Amino acid sequence: MVNSTLQRTVAALSREERVELRDFINITLGASTPVLTEEQKAAIRRRAEEMDADPTLGSNWDDVYDELMADLR
């Protein structure tokens, strides 16, 4: 059971501080994938919509992969 003082302390944190604490706890538990905030999810959706509207904005995976592999050689 979580200490009630700790619960009250966490509840008093700002939303951003609680998100940071959550990410820290996930890392210490060995979570391999950090949890995205709603703002981060919204940014990803917006960028995906921009790419759908104008596919010339980005690079395709094959080109990116080839560049990365060339850098490793």
PDB file of N, CA and C in Angstrom:
ATOM      1  N   MET A   1       0.844  -1.185   0.000  1.00  0.00           N
ATOM      2  CA  MET A   1       0.000   0.000   0.000  1.00  0.00           C
ATOM      3  C   MET A   1       0.881   1.237   0.000  1.00  0.00           C
ATOM      4  N   VAL A   2       0.491   2.212  -0.798  1.00  0.00           N
ATOM      5  CA  VAL A   2       1.258   3.452  -0.895  1.00  0.00           C
ATOM      6  C   VAL A   2       0.965   4.323   0.324  1.00  0.00           C
ATOM      7  N   ASN A   3       2.015   4.892   0.851  1.00  0.00           N
ATOM      8  CA  ASN A   3       1.925   5.766   2.004  1.00  0.00           C
ATOM      9  C   ASN A   3       0.989   6.941   1.690  1.00  0.00           C
ATOM     10  N   SER A   4       0.075   7.261   2.597  1.00  0.00           N
ATOM     11  CA  SER A   4      -0.906   8.325   2.348  1.00  0.00           C
ATOM     12  C   SER A   4      -0.240   9.689   2.219  1.00  0.00           C
ATOM     13  N   THR A   5       0.870   9.910   2.914  1.00  0.00           N
ATOM     14  CA  THR A   5       1.607  11.168   2.769  1.00  0.00           C
ATOM     15  C   THR A   5       2.157  11.296   1.361  1.00  0.00           C
ATOM     16  N   LEU A   6       2.679  10.202   0.828  1.00  0.00           N
ATOM     17  CA  LEU A   6       3.193  10.204  -0.538  1.00  0.00           C
ATOM     18  C   LEU A   6       2.051  10.477  -1.522  1.00  0.00           C
ATOM     19  N   GLN A   7       0.905   9.865  -1.306  1.00  0.00           N
ATOM     20  CA  GLN A   7      -0.241  10.097  -2.184  1.00  0.00           C
ATOM     21  C   GLN A   7      -0.641  11.565  -2.185  1.00  0.00           C
ATOM     22  N   ARG A   8      -0.702  12.183  -1.022  1.00  0.00           N
ATOM     23  CA  ARG A   8      -1.073  13.599  -0.937  1.00  0.00           C
ATOM     24  C   ARG A   8      -0.013  14.477  -1.612  1.00  0.00           C
ATOM     25  N   THR A   9       1.254  14.117  -1.445  1.00  0.00           N
ATOM     26  CA  THR A   9       2.338  14.879  -2.062  1.00  0.00           C
ATOM     27  C   THR A   9       2.241  14.810  -3.579  1.00  0.00           C
ATOM     28  N   VAL A  10       2.003  13.621  -4.105  1.00  0.00           N
ATOM     29  CA  VAL A  10       1.882  13.450  -5.558  1.00  0.00           C
ATOM     30  C   VAL A  10       0.650  14.201  -6.065  1.00  0.00           C
ATOM     31  N   ALA A  11      -0.450  14.135  -5.345  1.00  0.00           N
ATOM     32  CA  ALA A  11      -1.676  14.821  -5.765  1.00  0.00           C
ATOM     33  C   ALA A  11      -1.477  16.337  -5.815  1.00  0.00           C
ATOM     34  N   ALA A  12      -0.567  16.860  -5.015  1.00  0.00           N
ATOM     35  CA  ALA A  12      -0.325  18.304  -4.979  1.00  0.00           C
ATOM     36  C   ALA A  12       0.578  18.774  -6.121  1.00  0.00           C
ATOM     37  N   LEU A  13       1.214  17.855  -6.825  1.00  0.00           N
ATOM     38  CA  LEU A  13       2.092  18.225  -7.933  1.00  0.00           C
ATOM     39  C   LEU A  13       1.281  18.744  -9.106  1.00  0.00           C
ATOM     40  N   SER A  14       1.929  19.545  -9.938  1.00  0.00           N
ATOM     41  CA  SER A  14       1.276  20.000 -11.164  1.00  0.00           C
ATOM     42  C   SER A  14       1.123  18.812 -12.108  1.00  0.00           C
ATOM     43  N   ARG A  15       0.302  18.982 -13.115  1.00  0.00           N
ATOM     44  CA  ARG A  15       0.104  17.908 -14.098  1.00  0.00           C
ATOM     45  C   ARG A  15       1.443  17.537 -14.745  1.00  0.00           C
ATOM     46  N   GLU A  16       2.219  18.544 -15.129  1.00  0.00           N
ATOM     47  CA  GLU A  16       3.510  18.294 -15.771  1.00  0.00           C
ATOM     48  C   GLU A  16       4.455  17.522 -14.842  1.00  0.00           C
ATOM     49  N   GLU A  17       4.447  17.869 -13.571  1.00  0.00           N
ATOM     50  CA  GLU A  17       5.293  17.169 -12.606  1.00  0.00           C
ATOM     51  C   GLU A  17       4.839  15.719 -12.425  1.00  0.00           C
ATOM     52  N   ARG A  18       3.528  15.497 -12.425  1.00  0.00           N
ATOM     53  CA  ARG A  18       3.028  14.125 -12.300  1.00  0.00           C
ATOM     54  C   ARG A  18       3.388  13.296 -13.523  1.00  0.00           C
ATOM     55  N   VAL A  19       3.327  13.907 -14.713  1.00  0.00           N
ATOM     56  CA  VAL A  19       3.727  13.203 -15.936  1.00  0.00           C
ATOM     57  C   VAL A  19       5.203  12.846 -15.863  1.00  0.00           C
ATOM     58  N   GLU A  20       6.026  13.794 -15.419  1.00  0.00           N
ATOM     59  CA  GLU A  20       7.461  13.529 -15.284  1.00  0.00           C
ATOM     60  C   GLU A  20       7.715  12.410 -14.273  1.00  0.00           C
ATOM     61  N   LEU A  21       6.990  12.439 -13.159  1.00  0.00           N
ATOM     62  CA  LEU A  21       7.117  11.396 -12.149  1.00  0.00           C
ATOM     63  C   LEU A  21       6.684  10.041 -12.704  1.00  0.00           C
ATOM     64  N   ARG A  22       5.582  10.022 -13.437  1.00  0.00           N
ATOM     65  CA  ARG A  22       5.111   8.784 -14.057  1.00  0.00           C
ATOM     66  C   ARG A  22       6.172   8.202 -14.980  1.00  0.00           C
ATOM     67  N   ASP A  23       6.760   9.063 -15.817  1.00  0.00           N
ATOM     68  CA  ASP A  23       7.793   8.588 -16.736  1.00  0.00           C
ATOM     69  C   ASP A  23       9.002   8.053 -15.974  1.00  0.00           C
ATOM     70  N   PHE A  24       9.382   8.734 -14.900  1.00  0.00           N
ATOM     71  CA  PHE A  24      10.493   8.272 -14.074  1.00  0.00           C
ATOM     72  C   PHE A  24      10.192   6.896 -13.480  1.00  0.00           C
ATOM     73  N   ILE A  25       8.991   6.724 -12.969  1.00  0.00           N
ATOM     74  CA  ILE A  25       8.600   5.433 -12.389  1.00  0.00           C
ATOM     75  C   ILE A  25       8.606   4.352 -13.460  1.00  0.00           C
ATOM     76  N   ASN A  26       8.072   4.654 -14.639  1.00  0.00           N
ATOM     77  CA  ASN A  26       8.084   3.677 -15.730  1.00  0.00           C
ATOM     78  C   ASN A  26       9.505   3.253 -16.080  1.00  0.00           C
ATOM     79  N   ILE A  27      10.421   4.217 -16.129  1.00  0.00           N
ATOM     80  CA  ILE A  27      11.819   3.905 -16.443  1.00  0.00           C
ATOM     81  C   ILE A  27      12.418   3.013 -15.363  1.00  0.00           C
ATOM     82  N   THR A  28      12.158   3.331 -14.091  1.00  0.00           N
ATOM     83  CA  THR A  28      12.740   2.526 -13.008  1.00  0.00           C
ATOM     84  C   THR A  28      12.129   1.132 -12.948  1.00  0.00           C
ATOM     85  N   LEU A  29      10.933   0.962 -13.521  1.00  0.00           N
ATOM     86  CA  LEU A  29      10.308  -0.358 -13.571  1.00  0.00           C
ATOM     87  C   LEU A  29      10.732  -1.144 -14.813  1.00  0.00           C
ATOM     88  N   GLY A  30      11.534  -0.489 -15.657  1.00  0.00           N
ATOM     89  CA  GLY A  30      12.006  -1.170 -16.854  1.00  0.00           C
ATOM     90  C   GLY A  30      11.037  -1.085 -18.009  1.00  0.00           C
ATOM     91  N   ALA A  31      10.112  -0.148 -17.966  1.00  0.00           N
ATOM     92  CA  ALA A  31       9.181   0.016 -19.081  1.00  0.00           C
ATOM     93  C   ALA A  31       9.974   0.400 -20.318  1.00  0.00           C
ATOM     94  N   SER A  32       9.759  -0.322 -21.399  1.00  0.00           N
ATOM     95  CA  SER A  32      10.539  -0.078 -22.602  1.00  0.00           C
ATOM     96  C   SER A  32      10.013   1.071 -23.438  1.00  0.00           C
ATOM     97  N   THR A  33       8.747   1.405 -23.287  1.00  0.00           N
ATOM     98  CA  THR A  33       8.152   2.455 -24.098  1.00  0.00           C
ATOM     99  C   THR A  33       7.565   3.519 -23.186  1.00  0.00           C
ATOM    100  N   PRO A  34       8.100   4.738 -23.268  1.00  0.00           N
ATOM    101  CA  PRO A  34       7.519   5.794 -22.434  1.00  0.00           C
ATOM    102  C   PRO A  34       6.101   6.115 -22.893  1.00  0.00           C
ATOM    103  N   VAL A  35       5.287   6.525 -21.961  1.00  0.00           N
ATOM    104  CA  VAL A  35       3.910   6.880 -22.262  1.00  0.00           C
ATOM    105  C   VAL A  35       3.884   8.290 -22.846  1.00  0.00           C
ATOM    106  N   LEU A  36       3.160   8.479 -23.939  1.00  0.00           N
ATOM    107  CA  LEU A  36       3.059   9.798 -24.556  1.00  0.00           C
ATOM    108  C   LEU A  36       1.982  10.621 -23.878  1.00  0.00           C
ATOM    109  N   THR A  37       2.242  11.916 -23.763  1.00  0.00           N
ATOM    110  CA  THR A  37       1.230  12.821 -23.230  1.00  0.00           C
ATOM    111  C   THR A  37       0.194  13.085 -24.322  1.00  0.00           C
ATOM    112  N   GLU A  38      -0.945  13.636 -23.942  1.00  0.00           N
ATOM    113  CA  GLU A  38      -1.968  13.988 -24.922  1.00  0.00           C
ATOM    114  C   GLU A  38      -1.433  15.030 -25.902  1.00  0.00           C
ATOM    115  N   GLU A  39      -0.605  15.952 -25.398  1.00  0.00           N
ATOM    116  CA  GLU A  39      -0.013  16.969 -26.270  1.00  0.00           C
ATOM    117  C   GLU A  39       0.905  16.326 -27.307  1.00  0.00           C
ATOM    118  N   GLN A  40       1.691  15.338 -26.886  1.00  0.00           N
ATOM    119  CA  GLN A  40       2.580  14.642 -27.820  1.00  0.00           C
ATOM    120  C   GLN A  40       1.777  13.857 -28.856  1.00  0.00           C
ATOM    121  N   LYS A  41       0.705  13.205 -28.405  1.00  0.00           N
ATOM    122  CA  LYS A  41      -0.151  12.468 -29.334  1.00  0.00           C
ATOM    123  C   LYS A  41      -0.783  13.417 -30.350  1.00  0.00           C
ATOM    124  N   ALA A  42      -1.218  14.595 -29.891  1.00  0.00           N
ATOM    125  CA  ALA A  42      -1.822  15.581 -30.787  1.00  0.00           C
ATOM    126  C   ALA A  42      -0.795  16.066 -31.812  1.00  0.00           C
ATOM    127  N   ALA A  43       0.446  16.268 -31.382  1.00  0.00           N
ATOM    128  CA  ALA A  43       1.502  16.715 -32.302  1.00  0.00           C
ATOM    129  C   ALA A  43       1.766  15.648 -33.363  1.00  0.00           C
ATOM    130  N   ILE A  44       1.777  14.393 -32.964  1.00  0.00           N
ATOM    131  CA  ILE A  44       1.992  13.299 -33.924  1.00  0.00           C
ATOM    132  C   ILE A  44       0.854  13.248 -34.929  1.00  0.00           C
ATOM    133  N   ARG A  45      -0.388  13.368 -34.440  1.00  0.00           N
ATOM    134  CA  ARG A  45      -1.541  13.361 -35.353  1.00  0.00           C
ATOM    135  C   ARG A  45      -1.473  14.531 -36.333  1.00  0.00           C
ATOM    136  N   ARG A  46      -1.115  15.723 -35.818  1.00  0.00           N
ATOM    137  CA  ARG A  46      -1.024  16.908 -36.677  1.00  0.00           C
ATOM    138  C   ARG A  46       0.048  16.723 -37.741  1.00  0.00           C
ATOM    139  N   ARG A  47       1.195  16.197 -37.353  1.00  0.00           N
ATOM    140  CA  ARG A  47       2.276  15.987 -38.314  1.00  0.00           C
ATOM    141  C   ARG A  47       1.896  14.931 -39.348  1.00  0.00           C
ATOM    142  N   ALA A  48       1.181  13.913 -38.916  1.00  0.00           N
ATOM    143  CA  ALA A  48       0.729  12.878 -39.863  1.00  0.00           C
ATOM    144  C   ALA A  48      -0.244  13.480 -40.871  1.00  0.00           C
ATOM    145  N   GLU A  49      -1.129  14.350 -40.398  1.00  0.00           N
ATOM    146  CA  GLU A  49      -2.070  15.013 -41.308  1.00  0.00           C
ATOM    147  C   GLU A  49      -1.323  15.897 -42.302  1.00  0.00           C
ATOM    148  N   GLU A  50      -0.287  16.592 -41.832  1.00  0.00           N
ATOM    149  CA  GLU A  50       0.517  17.431 -42.731  1.00  0.00           C
ATOM    150  C   GLU A  50       1.199  16.568 -43.794  1.00  0.00           C
ATOM    151  N   MET A  51       1.705  15.408 -43.390  1.00  0.00           N
ATOM    152  CA  MET A  51       2.361  14.509 -44.342  1.00  0.00           C
ATOM    153  C   MET A  51       1.355  13.952 -45.347  1.00  0.00           C
ATOM    154  N   ASP A  52       0.153  13.632 -44.880  1.00  0.00           N
ATOM    155  CA  ASP A  52      -0.882  13.137 -45.792  1.00  0.00           C
ATOM    156  C   ASP A  52      -1.256  14.204 -46.818  1.00  0.00           C
ATOM    157  N   ALA A  53      -1.274  15.463 -46.376  1.00  0.00           N
ATOM    158  CA  ALA A  53      -1.639  16.560 -47.266  1.00  0.00           C
ATOM    159  C   ALA A  53      -0.534  16.867 -48.273  1.00  0.00           C
ATOM    160  N   ASP A  54       0.737  16.649 -47.880  1.00  0.00           N
ATOM    161  CA  ASP A  54       1.861  16.947 -48.770  1.00  0.00           C
ATOM    162  C   ASP A  54       2.972  15.914 -48.539  1.00  0.00           C
ATOM    163  N   PRO A  55       2.905  14.770 -49.216  1.00  0.00           N
ATOM    164  CA  PRO A  55       3.882  13.697 -49.010  1.00  0.00           C
ATOM    165  C   PRO A  55       5.327  14.086 -49.323  1.00  0.00           C
ATOM    166  N   THR A  56       5.545  15.203 -50.002  1.00  0.00           N
ATOM    167  CA  THR A  56       6.922  15.608 -50.312  1.00  0.00           C
ATOM    168  C   THR A  56       7.642  16.190 -49.100  1.00  0.00           C
ATOM    169  N   LEU A  57       6.940  16.382 -47.992  1.00  0.00           N
ATOM    170  CA  LEU A  57       7.545  16.983 -46.802  1.00  0.00           C
ATOM    171  C   LEU A  57       8.568  16.082 -46.116  1.00  0.00           C
ATOM    172  N   GLY A  58       8.447  14.801 -46.254  1.00  0.00           N
ATOM    173  CA  GLY A  58       9.320  13.893 -45.514  1.00  0.00           C
ATOM    174  C   GLY A  58      10.153  13.018 -46.412  1.00  0.00           C
ATOM    175  N   SER A  59      10.816  12.054 -45.774  1.00  0.00           N
ATOM    176  CA  SER A  59      11.625  11.068 -46.490  1.00  0.00           C
ATOM    177  C   SER A  59      11.007   9.695 -46.291  1.00  0.00           C
ATOM    178  N   ASN A  60      11.142   8.846 -47.301  1.00  0.00           N
ATOM    179  CA  ASN A  60      10.614   7.498 -47.113  1.00  0.00           C
ATOM    180  C   ASN A  60      11.617   6.663 -46.313  1.00  0.00           C
ATOM    181  N   TRP A  61      11.137   5.585 -45.733  1.00  0.00           N
ATOM    182  CA  TRP A  61      11.956   4.777 -44.844  1.00  0.00           C
ATOM    183  C   TRP A  61      13.184   4.215 -45.543  1.00  0.00           C
ATOM    184  N   ASP A  62      13.059   3.779 -46.760  1.00  0.00           N
ATOM    185  CA  ASP A  62      14.201   3.204 -47.473  1.00  0.00           C
ATOM    186  C   ASP A  62      15.345   4.207 -47.587  1.00  0.00           C
ATOM    187  N   ASP A  63      15.028   5.469 -47.907  1.00  0.00           N
ATOM    188  CA  ASP A  63      16.065   6.496 -48.011  1.00  0.00           C
ATOM    189  C   ASP A  63      16.707   6.772 -46.655  1.00  0.00           C
ATOM    190  N   VAL A  64      15.892   6.869 -45.630  1.00  0.00           N
ATOM    191  CA  VAL A  64      16.411   7.117 -44.278  1.00  0.00           C
ATOM    192  C   VAL A  64      17.314   5.966 -43.853  1.00  0.00           C
ATOM    193  N   TYR A  65      16.864   4.746 -44.069  1.00  0.00           N
ATOM    194  CA  TYR A  65      17.653   3.561 -43.704  1.00  0.00           C
ATOM    195  C   TYR A  65      18.989   3.554 -44.439  1.00  0.00           C
ATOM    196  N   ASP A  66      18.965   3.821 -45.751  1.00  0.00           N
ATOM    197  CA  ASP A  66      20.200   3.837 -46.525  1.00  0.00           C
ATOM    198  C   ASP A  66      21.179   4.889 -46.007  1.00  0.00           C
ATOM    199  N   GLU A  67      20.662   6.071 -45.645  1.00  0.00           N
ATOM    200  CA  GLU A  67      21.523   7.121 -45.106  1.00  0.00           C
ATOM    201  C   GLU A  67      22.129   6.709 -43.777  1.00  0.00           C
ATOM    202  N   LEU A  68      21.321   6.110 -42.914  1.00  0.00           N
ATOM    203  CA  LEU A  68      21.829   5.653 -41.623  1.00  0.00           C
ATOM    204  C   LEU A  68      22.907   4.589 -41.789  1.00  0.00           C
ATOM    205  N   MET A  69      22.655   3.647 -42.661  1.00  0.00           N
ATOM    206  CA  MET A  69      23.634   2.576 -42.885  1.00  0.00           C
ATOM    207  C   MET A  69      24.918   3.130 -43.485  1.00  0.00           C
ATOM    208  N   ALA A  70      24.802   4.114 -44.376  1.00  0.00           N
ATOM    209  CA  ALA A  70      25.994   4.716 -44.973  1.00  0.00           C
ATOM    210  C   ALA A  70      26.820   5.432 -43.897  1.00  0.00           C
ATOM    211  N   ASP A  71      26.143   6.046 -42.926  1.00  0.00           N
ATOM    212  CA  ASP A  71      26.854   6.731 -41.844  1.00  0.00           C
ATOM    213  C   ASP A  71      27.608   5.740 -40.944  1.00  0.00           C
ATOM    214  N   LEU A  72      27.118   4.526 -40.849  1.00  0.00           N
ATOM    215  CA  LEU A  72      27.757   3.526 -40.000  1.00  0.00           C
ATOM    216  C   LEU A  72      28.968   2.868 -40.663  1.00  0.00           C
ATOM    217  N   ARG A  73      29.079   2.984 -41.968  1.00  0.00           N
ATOM    218  CA  ARG A  73      30.179   2.345 -42.674  1.00  0.00           C
ATOM    219  C   ARG A  73      31.439   3.148 -42.589  1.00  0.00           C
TER     220      ARG A  73
END
